[in-house]
Structure formats: C-alpha cells, structure tokens
C-alpha atoms as a PDB file:
ATOM      1  CA  UNK A   1       8.486 -15.387  -8.921  1.00  0.00           C
ATOM      2  CA  UNK A   2       4.848 -16.337  -9.666  1.00  0.00           C
ATOM      3  CA  UNK A   3       2.269 -13.550  -9.677  1.00  0.00           C
ATOM      4  CA  UNK A   4      -1.409 -13.594  -8.680  1.00  0.00           C
ATOM      5  CA  UNK A   5      -4.230 -11.085  -9.058  1.00  0.00           C
ATOM      6  CA  UNK A   6      -7.015 -11.044  -6.450  1.00  0.00           C
ATOM      7  CA  UNK A   7     -10.077  -8.887  -7.005  1.00  0.00           C
ATOM      8  CA  UNK A   8     -11.925  -7.586  -3.968  1.00  0.00           C
ATOM      9  CA  UNK A   9      -8.757  -8.131  -1.950  1.00  0.00           C
ATOM     10  CA  UNK A  10      -9.283  -5.575   0.816  1.00  0.00           C
ATOM     11  CA  UNK A  11     -11.451  -7.529   3.249  1.00  0.00           C
ATOM     12  CA  UNK A  12     -12.816 -10.887   4.300  1.00  0.00           C
ATOM     13  CA  UNK A  13     -12.285 -13.720   1.793  1.00  0.00           C
ATOM     14  CA  UNK A  14     -10.288 -11.588  -0.629  1.00  0.00           C
ATOM     15  CA  UNK A  15      -7.842 -10.542   2.070  1.00  0.00           C
ATOM     16  CA  UNK A  16      -7.374 -14.129   3.246  1.00  0.00           C
ATOM     17  CA  UNK A  17      -6.792 -15.324  -0.322  1.00  0.00           C
ATOM     18  CA  UNK A  18      -4.203 -12.619  -1.001  1.00  0.00           C
ATOM     19  CA  UNK A  19      -2.245 -13.446   2.143  1.00  0.00           C
ATOM     20  CA  UNK A  20      -2.416 -17.207   1.557  1.00  0.00           C
ATOM     21  CA  UNK A  21      -1.036 -16.729  -1.944  1.00  0.00           C
ATOM     22  CA  UNK A  22       1.748 -14.544  -0.557  1.00  0.00           C
ATOM     23  CA  UNK A  23       2.548 -17.292   1.963  1.00  0.00           C
ATOM     24  CA  UNK A  24       2.668 -19.725  -0.968  1.00  0.00           C
ATOM     25  CA  UNK A  25       5.311 -17.594  -2.700  1.00  0.00           C
ATOM     26  CA  UNK A  26       3.270 -15.354  -5.013  1.00  0.00           C
ATOM     27  CA  UNK A  27       3.684 -11.660  -5.601  1.00  0.00           C
ATOM     28  CA  UNK A  28       0.168 -10.240  -5.483  1.00  0.00           C
ATOM     29  CA  UNK A  29      -1.748  -7.618  -7.438  1.00  0.00           C
ATOM     30  CA  UNK A  30      -4.489  -6.374  -5.105  1.00  0.00           C
ATOM     31  CA  UNK A  31      -7.732  -4.919  -6.415  1.00  0.00           C
ATOM     32  CA  UNK A  32     -10.477  -2.958  -4.693  1.00  0.00           C
ATOM     33  CA  UNK A  33     -13.374  -0.887  -6.004  1.00  0.00           C
ATOM     34  CA  UNK A  34     -11.601   2.214  -4.748  1.00  0.00           C
ATOM     35  CA  UNK A  35      -8.343   2.739  -2.906  1.00  0.00           C
ATOM     36  CA  UNK A  36      -8.819   2.448   0.833  1.00  0.00           C
ATOM     37  CA  UNK A  37      -6.852   1.858   3.995  1.00  0.00           C
ATOM     38  CA  UNK A  38      -7.797  -1.826   4.089  1.00  0.00           C
ATOM     39  CA  UNK A  39      -5.953  -2.426   0.830  1.00  0.00           C
ATOM     40  CA  UNK A  40      -2.865  -0.662   2.195  1.00  0.00           C
ATOM     41  CA  UNK A  41      -2.983  -3.008   5.178  1.00  0.00           C
ATOM     42  CA  UNK A  42      -3.167  -6.071   2.937  1.00  0.00           C
ATOM     43  CA  UNK A  43      -0.281  -4.791   0.822  1.00  0.00           C
ATOM     44  CA  UNK A  44       1.815  -4.244   3.952  1.00  0.00           C
ATOM     45  CA  UNK A  45       1.041  -7.788   5.095  1.00  0.00           C
ATOM     46  CA  UNK A  46       2.075  -9.176   1.697  1.00  0.00           C
ATOM     47  CA  UNK A  47       5.361  -7.255   1.833  1.00  0.00           C
ATOM     48  CA  UNK A  48       5.957  -8.457   5.397  1.00  0.00           C
ATOM     49  CA  UNK A  49       5.853 -11.984   3.975  1.00  0.00           C
ATOM     50  CA  UNK A  50       8.722 -11.154   1.642  1.00  0.00           C
ATOM     51  CA  UNK A  51       6.598 -10.733  -1.483  1.00  0.00           C
ATOM     52  CA  UNK A  52       5.794  -7.763  -3.679  1.00  0.00           C
ATOM     53  CA  UNK A  53       2.360  -6.138  -3.869  1.00  0.00           C
ATOM     54  CA  UNK A  54       0.697  -3.692  -6.239  1.00  0.00           C
ATOM     55  CA  UNK A  55      -2.564  -1.814  -5.668  1.00  0.00           C
ATOM     56  CA  UNK A  56      -5.252  -1.357  -8.314  1.00  0.00           C
ATOM     57  CA  UNK A  57      -8.585   0.472  -8.061  1.00  0.00           C
ATOM     58  CA  UNK A  58     -11.340  -0.248 -10.587  1.00  0.00           C
ATOM     59  CA  UNK A  59     -15.124  -0.240 -10.837  1.00  0.00           C
ATOM     60  CA  UNK A  60     -16.094  -3.716 -12.021  1.00  0.00           C
ATOM     61  CA  UNK A  61     -19.732  -2.805 -12.639  1.00  0.00           C
ATOM     62  CA  UNK A  62     -18.786  -1.860 -16.214  1.00  0.00           C
ATOM     63  CA  UNK A  63     -16.904  -3.735 -18.912  1.00  0.00           C
ATOM     64  CA  UNK A  64     -14.764  -0.625 -19.336  1.00  0.00           C
ATOM     65  CA  UNK A  65     -13.750  -0.895 -15.688  1.00  0.00           C
ATOM     66  CA  UNK A  66     -12.801  -4.557 -16.105  1.00  0.00           C
ATOM     67  CA  UNK A  67     -10.730  -3.759 -19.182  1.00  0.00           C
ATOM     68  CA  UNK A  68      -9.050  -0.848 -17.395  1.00  0.00           C
ATOM     69  CA  UNK A  69      -8.119  -3.104 -14.492  1.00  0.00           C
ATOM     70  CA  UNK A  70      -6.629  -5.626 -16.891  1.00  0.00           C
ATOM     71  CA  UNK A  71      -4.530  -2.967 -18.570  1.00  0.00           C
ATOM     72  CA  UNK A  72      -3.366  -1.549 -15.245  1.00  0.00           C
ATOM     73  CA  UNK A  73      -2.357  -4.952 -13.897  1.00  0.00           C
ATOM     74  CA  UNK A  74      -0.508  -5.972 -17.059  1.00  0.00           C
ATOM     75  CA  UNK A  75       1.397  -2.684 -17.082  1.00  0.00           C
ATOM     76  CA  UNK A  76       2.871  -3.772 -13.741  1.00  0.00           C
ATOM     77  CA  UNK A  77       2.899  -7.553 -14.247  1.00  0.00           C
ATOM     78  CA  UNK A  78       3.259  -8.610 -17.919  1.00  0.00           C
ATOM     79  CA  UNK A  79       2.838 -12.239 -16.863  1.00  0.00           C
ATOM     80  CA  UNK A  80       0.242 -13.673 -14.499  1.00  0.00           C
ATOM     81  CA  UNK A  81       0.102 -17.159 -13.030  1.00  0.00           C
ATOM     82  CA  UNK A  82      -3.137 -16.962 -11.028  1.00  0.00           C
ATOM     83  CA  UNK A  83      -6.249 -14.802 -11.305  1.00  0.00           C
ATOM     84  CA  UNK A  84      -8.802 -14.990  -8.497  1.00  0.00           C
ATOM     85  CA  UNK A  85     -12.200 -13.471  -9.271  1.00  0.00           C
ATOM     86  CA  UNK A  86     -13.417 -12.735  -5.757  1.00  0.00           C
ATOM     87  CA  UNK A  87     -15.108  -9.326  -6.045  1.00  0.00           C
ATOM     88  CA  UNK A  88     -18.878  -9.775  -6.012  1.00  0.00           C
ATOM     89  CA  UNK A  89     -22.212  -8.384  -4.913  1.00  0.00           C
ATOM     90  CA  UNK A  90     -24.736 -10.143  -2.674  1.00  0.00           C
ATOM     91  CA  UNK A  91     -28.222  -8.833  -1.978  1.00  0.00           C
ATOM     92  CA  UNK A  92     -31.581 -10.115  -0.830  1.00  0.00           C
ATOM     93  CA  UNK A  93     -34.476  -8.771  -2.911  1.00  0.00           C
ATOM     94  CA  UNK A  94     -37.871 -10.479  -3.378  1.00  0.00           C
ATOM     95  CA  UNK A  95     -38.354 -11.121  -7.079  1.00  0.00           C
ATOM     96  CA  UNK A  96     -41.601  -9.113  -7.148  1.00  0.00           C
ATOM     97  CA  UNK A  97     -39.618  -6.044  -6.062  1.00  0.00           C
ATOM     98  CA  UNK A  98     -36.509  -6.611  -8.171  1.00  0.00           C
ATOM     99  CA  UNK A  99     -35.701  -3.733 -10.525  1.00  0.00           C
ATOM    100  CA  UNK A 100     -33.967  -4.000 -13.909  1.00  0.00           C
ATOM    101  CA  UNK A 101     -31.147  -1.849 -12.539  1.00  0.00           C
ATOM    102  CA  UNK A 102     -30.568  -4.246  -9.616  1.00  0.00           C
ATOM    103  CA  UNK A 103     -30.622  -7.218 -11.980  1.00  0.00           C
ATOM    104  CA  UNK A 104     -28.134  -5.656 -14.397  1.00  0.00           C
ATOM    105  CA  UNK A 105     -25.736  -4.544 -11.677  1.00  0.00           C
ATOM    106  CA  UNK A 106     -25.628  -8.029 -10.178  1.00  0.00           C
ATOM    107  CA  UNK A 107     -24.893  -9.658 -13.534  1.00  0.00           C
ATOM    108  CA  UNK A 108     -22.308  -6.989 -14.381  1.00  0.00           C
ATOM    109  CA  UNK A 109     -20.205  -7.461 -11.252  1.00  0.00           C
ATOM    110  CA  UNK A 110     -20.679 -11.171 -10.595  1.00  0.00           C
ATOM    111  CA  UNK A 111     -20.602 -12.523 -14.154  1.00  0.00           C
ATOM    112  CA  UNK A 112     -19.547 -10.012 -16.793  1.00  0.00           C
ATOM    113  CA  UNK A 113     -16.528  -8.679 -14.894  1.00  0.00           C
ATOM    114  CA  UNK A 114     -14.919 -12.134 -14.435  1.00  0.00           C
ATOM    115  CA  UNK A 115     -15.586 -12.913 -18.096  1.00  0.00           C
ATOM    116  CA  UNK A 116     -14.161  -9.774 -19.617  1.00  0.00           C
ATOM    117  CA  UNK A 117     -11.331  -9.335 -17.121  1.00  0.00           C
ATOM    118  CA  UNK A 118     -10.195 -12.869 -17.930  1.00  0.00           C
ATOM    119  CA  UNK A 119     -10.437 -12.063 -21.633  1.00  0.00           C
ATOM    120  CA  UNK A 120      -8.323  -8.949 -21.244  1.00  0.00           C
ATOM    121  CA  UNK A 121      -5.718 -10.786 -19.154  1.00  0.00           C
ATOM    122  CA  UNK A 122      -5.229 -13.636 -21.621  1.00  0.00           C
ATOM    123  CA  UNK A 123      -1.895 -12.307 -22.957  1.00  0.00           C
ATOM    124  CA  UNK A 124      -0.497 -12.281 -19.405  1.00  0.00           C
ATOM    125  CA  UNK A 125      -1.960 -15.684 -18.507  1.00  0.00           C
ATOM    126  CA  UNK A 126      -0.561 -17.248 -21.663  1.00  0.00           C
ATOM    127  CA  UNK A 127       2.943 -16.248 -20.563  1.00  0.00           C
ATOM    128  CA  UNK A 128       2.652 -18.593 -17.598  1.00  0.00           C
ATOM    129  CA  UNK A 129       3.553 -22.273 -17.977  1.00  0.00           C
ATOM    130  CA  UNK A 130       0.758 -23.258 -15.567  1.00  0.00           C
ATOM    131  CA  UNK A 131      -1.842 -20.485 -15.485  1.00  0.00           C
ATOM    132  CA  UNK A 132      -4.889 -20.872 -13.262  1.00  0.00           C
ATOM    133  CA  UNK A 133      -8.125 -18.878 -12.982  1.00  0.00           C
ATOM    134  CA  UNK A 134     -10.233 -19.363  -9.850  1.00  0.00           C
ATOM    135  CA  UNK A 135     -13.732 -17.922  -9.531  1.00  0.00           C
ATOM    136  CA  UNK A 136     -15.354 -17.560  -6.128  1.00  0.00           C
ATOM    137  CA  UNK A 137     -18.803 -18.898  -6.916  1.00  0.00           C
ATOM    138  CA  UNK A 138     -21.612 -20.187  -4.681  1.00  0.00           C
ATOM    139  CA  UNK A 139     -23.668 -23.344  -4.308  1.00  0.00           C
ATOM    140  CA  UNK A 140     -26.615 -20.975  -4.910  1.00  0.00           C
ATOM    141  CA  UNK A 141     -25.626 -21.159  -8.543  1.00  0.00           C
ATOM    142  CA  UNK A 142     -26.762 -24.774  -8.472  1.00  0.00           C
ATOM    143  CA  UNK A 143     -29.372 -24.789  -5.687  1.00  0.00           C
ATOM    144  CA  UNK A 144     -31.422 -21.557  -5.621  1.00  0.00           C
ATOM    145  CA  UNK A 145     -32.297 -19.685  -2.448  1.00  0.00           C
ATOM    146  CA  UNK A 146     -35.422 -17.584  -1.981  1.00  0.00           C
ATOM    147  CA  UNK A 147     -35.352 -13.805  -2.507  1.00  0.00           C
ATOM    148  CA  UNK A 148     -31.998 -13.971  -4.257  1.00  0.00           C
ATOM    149  CA  UNK A 149     -32.988 -14.721  -7.868  1.00  0.00           C
ATOM    150  CA  UNK A 150     -30.666 -12.161  -9.454  1.00  0.00           C
ATOM    151  CA  UNK A 151     -27.762 -13.366  -7.314  1.00  0.00           C
ATOM    152  CA  UNK A 152     -28.414 -17.056  -8.004  1.00  0.00           C
ATOM    153  CA  UNK A 153     -28.608 -16.440 -11.751  1.00  0.00           C
ATOM    154  CA  UNK A 154     -25.316 -14.525 -11.692  1.00  0.00           C
ATOM    155  CA  UNK A 155     -23.546 -17.382  -9.912  1.00  0.00           C
ATOM    156  CA  UNK A 156     -25.143 -20.013 -12.161  1.00  0.00           C
ATOM    157  CA  UNK A 157     -23.783 -18.096 -15.115  1.00  0.00           C
ATOM    158  CA  UNK A 158     -20.382 -17.923 -13.469  1.00  0.00           C
ATOM    159  CA  UNK A 159     -20.312 -21.699 -13.029  1.00  0.00           C
ATOM    160  CA  UNK A 160     -21.111 -22.208 -16.700  1.00  0.00           C
ATOM    161  CA  UNK A 161     -18.460 -19.645 -17.608  1.00  0.00           C
ATOM    162  CA  UNK A 162     -15.940 -21.725 -15.648  1.00  0.00           C
ATOM    163  CA  UNK A 163     -16.830 -24.836 -17.633  1.00  0.00           C
ATOM    164  CA  UNK A 164     -16.860 -23.043 -20.984  1.00  0.00           C
ATOM    165  CA  UNK A 165     -13.505 -21.355 -20.400  1.00  0.00           C
ATOM    166  CA  UNK A 166     -11.918 -24.545 -19.069  1.00  0.00           C
ATOM    167  CA  UNK A 167     -12.814 -26.124 -22.401  1.00  0.00           C
ATOM    168  CA  UNK A 168     -11.814 -23.208 -24.604  1.00  0.00           C
ATOM    169  CA  UNK A 169      -8.750 -21.771 -22.856  1.00  0.00           C
ATOM    170  CA  UNK A 170      -6.853 -24.962 -21.973  1.00  0.00           C
ATOM    171  CA  UNK A 171      -4.071 -25.384 -20.967  1.00  0.00           C
ATOM    172  CA  UNK A 172      -5.094 -22.418 -18.790  1.00  0.00           C
ATOM    173  CA  UNK A 173      -7.013 -24.077 -15.958  1.00  0.00           C
ATOM    174  CA  UNK A 174     -10.312 -22.537 -14.856  1.00  0.00           C
ATOM    175  CA  UNK A 175     -12.090 -23.637 -11.682  1.00  0.00           C
ATOM    176  CA  UNK A 176     -14.522 -22.358  -9.066  1.00  0.00           C
ATOM    177  CA  UNK A 177     -14.871 -22.538  -5.320  1.00  0.00           C
ATOM    178  CA  UNK A 178     -18.296 -22.601  -3.674  1.00  0.00           C
ATOM    179  CA  UNK A 179     -17.954 -21.103  -0.189  1.00  0.00           C
ATOM    180  CA  UNK A 180     -20.449 -21.870   2.513  1.00  0.00           C
ATOM    181  CA  UNK A 181     -21.072 -19.973   5.737  1.00  0.00           C
ATOM    182  CA  UNK A 182     -17.680 -18.368   6.104  1.00  0.00           C
ATOM    183  CA  UNK A 183     -18.369 -14.614   6.183  1.00  0.00           C
ATOM    184  CA  UNK A 184     -21.929 -13.532   6.924  1.00  0.00           C
ATOM    185  CA  UNK A 185     -23.161 -10.105   5.792  1.00  0.00           C
ATOM    186  CA  UNK A 186     -23.057  -7.500   8.558  1.00  0.00           C
ATOM    187  CA  UNK A 187     -26.853  -7.167   8.638  1.00  0.00           C
ATOM    188  CA  UNK A 188     -27.500 -10.855   9.489  1.00  0.00           C
ATOM    189  CA  UNK A 189     -28.777 -11.203  13.062  1.00  0.00           C
ATOM    190  CA  UNK A 190     -28.116 -14.151  15.367  1.00  0.00           C
ATOM    191  CA  UNK A 191     -31.412 -15.853  14.535  1.00  0.00           C
ATOM    192  CA  UNK A 192     -30.750 -15.747  10.810  1.00  0.00           C
ATOM    193  CA  UNK A 193     -27.244 -17.106  11.266  1.00  0.00           C
ATOM    194  CA  UNK A 194     -28.621 -19.923  13.437  1.00  0.00           C
ATOM    195  CA  UNK A 195     -31.190 -20.862  10.784  1.00  0.00           C
ATOM    196  CA  UNK A 196     -28.475 -21.097   8.156  1.00  0.00           C
ATOM    197  CA  UNK A 197     -26.164 -23.157  10.347  1.00  0.00           C
ATOM    198  CA  UNK A 198     -29.007 -25.553  11.113  1.00  0.00           C
ATOM    199  CA  UNK A 199     -28.761 -26.680   7.486  1.00  0.00           C
ATOM    200  CA  UNK A 200     -24.989 -27.143   7.520  1.00  0.00           C
ATOM    201  CA  UNK A 201     -24.136 -30.793   8.243  1.00  0.00           C
ATOM    202  CA  UNK A 202     -20.945 -29.847  10.104  1.00  0.00           C
ATOM    203  CA  UNK A 203     -23.026 -27.445  12.213  1.00  0.00           C
ATOM    204  CA  UNK A 204     -20.559 -24.572  12.273  1.00  0.00           C
ATOM    205  CA  UNK A 205     -19.160 -21.735  10.242  1.00  0.00           C
ATOM    206  CA  UNK A 206     -15.997 -21.987   8.241  1.00  0.00           C
ATOM    207  CA  UNK A 207     -13.551 -19.144   7.810  1.00  0.00           C
ATOM    208  CA  UNK A 208     -12.097 -17.099   4.962  1.00  0.00           C
ATOM    209  CA  UNK A 209      -8.895 -19.067   5.525  1.00  0.00           C
ATOM    210  CA  UNK A 210     -10.706 -22.242   4.427  1.00  0.00           C
ATOM    211  CA  UNK A 211     -11.486 -20.610   1.091  1.00  0.00           C
ATOM    212  CA  UNK A 212      -7.959 -19.267   0.784  1.00  0.00           C
ATOM    213  CA  UNK A 213      -6.494 -22.736   1.302  1.00  0.00           C
ATOM    214  CA  UNK A 214      -8.739 -24.076  -1.462  1.00  0.00           C
ATOM    215  CA  UNK A 215      -7.560 -21.332  -3.825  1.00  0.00           C
ATOM    216  CA  UNK A 216      -3.930 -22.236  -3.157  1.00  0.00           C
ATOM    217  CA  UNK A 217      -4.766 -25.902  -3.769  1.00  0.00           C
ATOM    218  CA  UNK A 218      -6.412 -25.193  -7.129  1.00  0.00           C
ATOM    219  CA  UNK A 219      -3.584 -22.883  -8.148  1.00  0.00           C
ATOM    220  CA  UNK A 220      -1.099 -25.706  -7.579  1.00  0.00           C
ATOM    221  CA  UNK A 221      -3.153 -28.688  -8.773  1.00  0.00           C
ATOM    222  CA  UNK A 222      -2.207 -29.006 -12.417  1.00  0.00           C
ATOM    223  CA  UNK A 223      -4.738 -31.661 -13.460  1.00  0.00           C
ATOM    224  CA  UNK A 224      -8.003 -30.127 -12.272  1.00  0.00           C
ATOM    225  CA  UNK A 225     -10.041 -27.836 -14.510  1.00  0.00           C
ATOM    226  CA  UNK A 226     -13.689 -27.014 -15.129  1.00  0.00           C
ATOM    227  CA  UNK A 227     -14.712 -27.921 -11.584  1.00  0.00           C
ATOM    228  CA  UNK A 228     -16.410 -26.317  -8.591  1.00  0.00           C
ATOM    229  CA  UNK A 229     -14.952 -27.261  -5.226  1.00  0.00           C
ATOM    230  CA  UNK A 230     -17.577 -26.756  -2.501  1.00  0.00           C
ATOM    231  CA  UNK A 231     -15.970 -25.563   0.733  1.00  0.00           C
ATOM    232  CA  UNK A 232     -19.160 -25.267   2.737  1.00  0.00           C
ATOM    233  CA  UNK A 233     -19.334 -27.776   5.575  1.00  0.00           C
ATOM    234  CA  UNK A 234     -21.724 -29.879   3.476  1.00  0.00           C
ATOM    235  CA  UNK A 235     -24.288 -27.123   3.023  1.00  0.00           C
ATOM    236  CA  UNK A 236     -24.711 -28.053  -0.635  1.00  0.00           C
ATOM    237  CA  UNK A 237     -26.199 -31.392   0.391  1.00  0.00           C
ATOM    238  CA  UNK A 238     -28.227 -29.864   3.210  1.00  0.00           C
ATOM    239  CA  UNK A 239     -30.146 -27.293   1.167  1.00  0.00           C
END
C-alpha cells in the first residue's frame, strides 16, 4: 500500500490532509511537535478507515530535529510515496520590532525543515515509482502582507525550494499549495476576519478539506511538478 508522511498532522489542515490521504488509500505517518491527544485521535481515525498509522514527535525548529524525524519515519516505513510539509509557524510582528531570534525560528520551521527533511527522506522517496512532495505554502510568498516580513520571506523561500527541487529531484515531483482563508488563527476577531474576507473574490472562507483535496490531487497527478496551486477563493488576485 502507498505511504504518506504529514507533518503537523494533529489539527486543522494537517489533520484534514492526513484523513483525506487515508481515504485515498494511503497508510499515514503522522507528525506533531510533541505527542498529544489530538494525534492519537487522528491515528484512530486513520485506522478506522482501514489504513495503518504511525506517530512521530519531533521539533522541526532545528535541522537535527528534521533529520531525527526522517530517521524515525524511515525506520517504520522504508519507502514513502508522499511527503506533505504542513507544519509551520505564523506570526504578526512589525518589522521594527522583529528580533533575530524570531526571524531565525520562522526560517527554521517554515523553510529549513522542509528542505532538510526532504533531503533525509530521499532514500525512501526514491523507492516509490511515483513519489510526490507537497509543501503547504502561502500566496504571501509572492504577494507580501504588512507586519509579516519574516513569515513572507520564509514562504517565498519555500516556493523557490519547490521549483529548485522539482528541477533537481525529478522524477520525484515537488509542488506547493497556497491556502487562502481556511483556518484563521485563534486570536483573530470578527472584524479582522471580515476585513480579510472583503478581499476574497468568492467572499467566503474555505475549509481544511479544500486543501486536503488539493494535496490528494497533486499526489495523484503524475505530470505536474514545480507548481503552486492556489486554493484561496481568488485571494491571490484580490491582494
């Protein structure tokens, strides 16, 4: 059976992606920063769908953590068909107040972890006849938003990583998805949500399931690589 790894699989988009892949017939390696009940719930849901699940805890803010996750996953699954880099940080900080530590942490989790985890997993990916890597990116990597410079730069780097790896790692396919307003941070109030939706041409939120469906599509579409698929209700043209 095909096998997929999903980082940040315990909640929100990661959870939806893991379950959609299980529905599509994949056994799923589930990652979270630390083991928690949410990951147990996702694993139980994967098993209820007739698939196998494994649980993996790792701190992706260090290269050592990314390498350790790769080793742990390959010890359980010597071959991998899909890797979904979903784990990420998001924070609003005015540039004048941004600290070097905040900058480095954002780049470490959002850019360096996908790069070096992919590198470590290459032996497993190369065992698959149709391996696919999917990075959850953001249109903010192409169209910057105020007070999020460190985040925008991390996602811009991730989009270039997708293109570079698509070129260098073929026939492994490497793509990105740019979610829109599908899972707002908990601290966003109603007014802030309304301001964001006012710039979405479809005028409504999406859902984590929309992103999950796009991941399944890219995992199965054998002639697409090096691309970002915006799943954002048109927000990328409304910014």
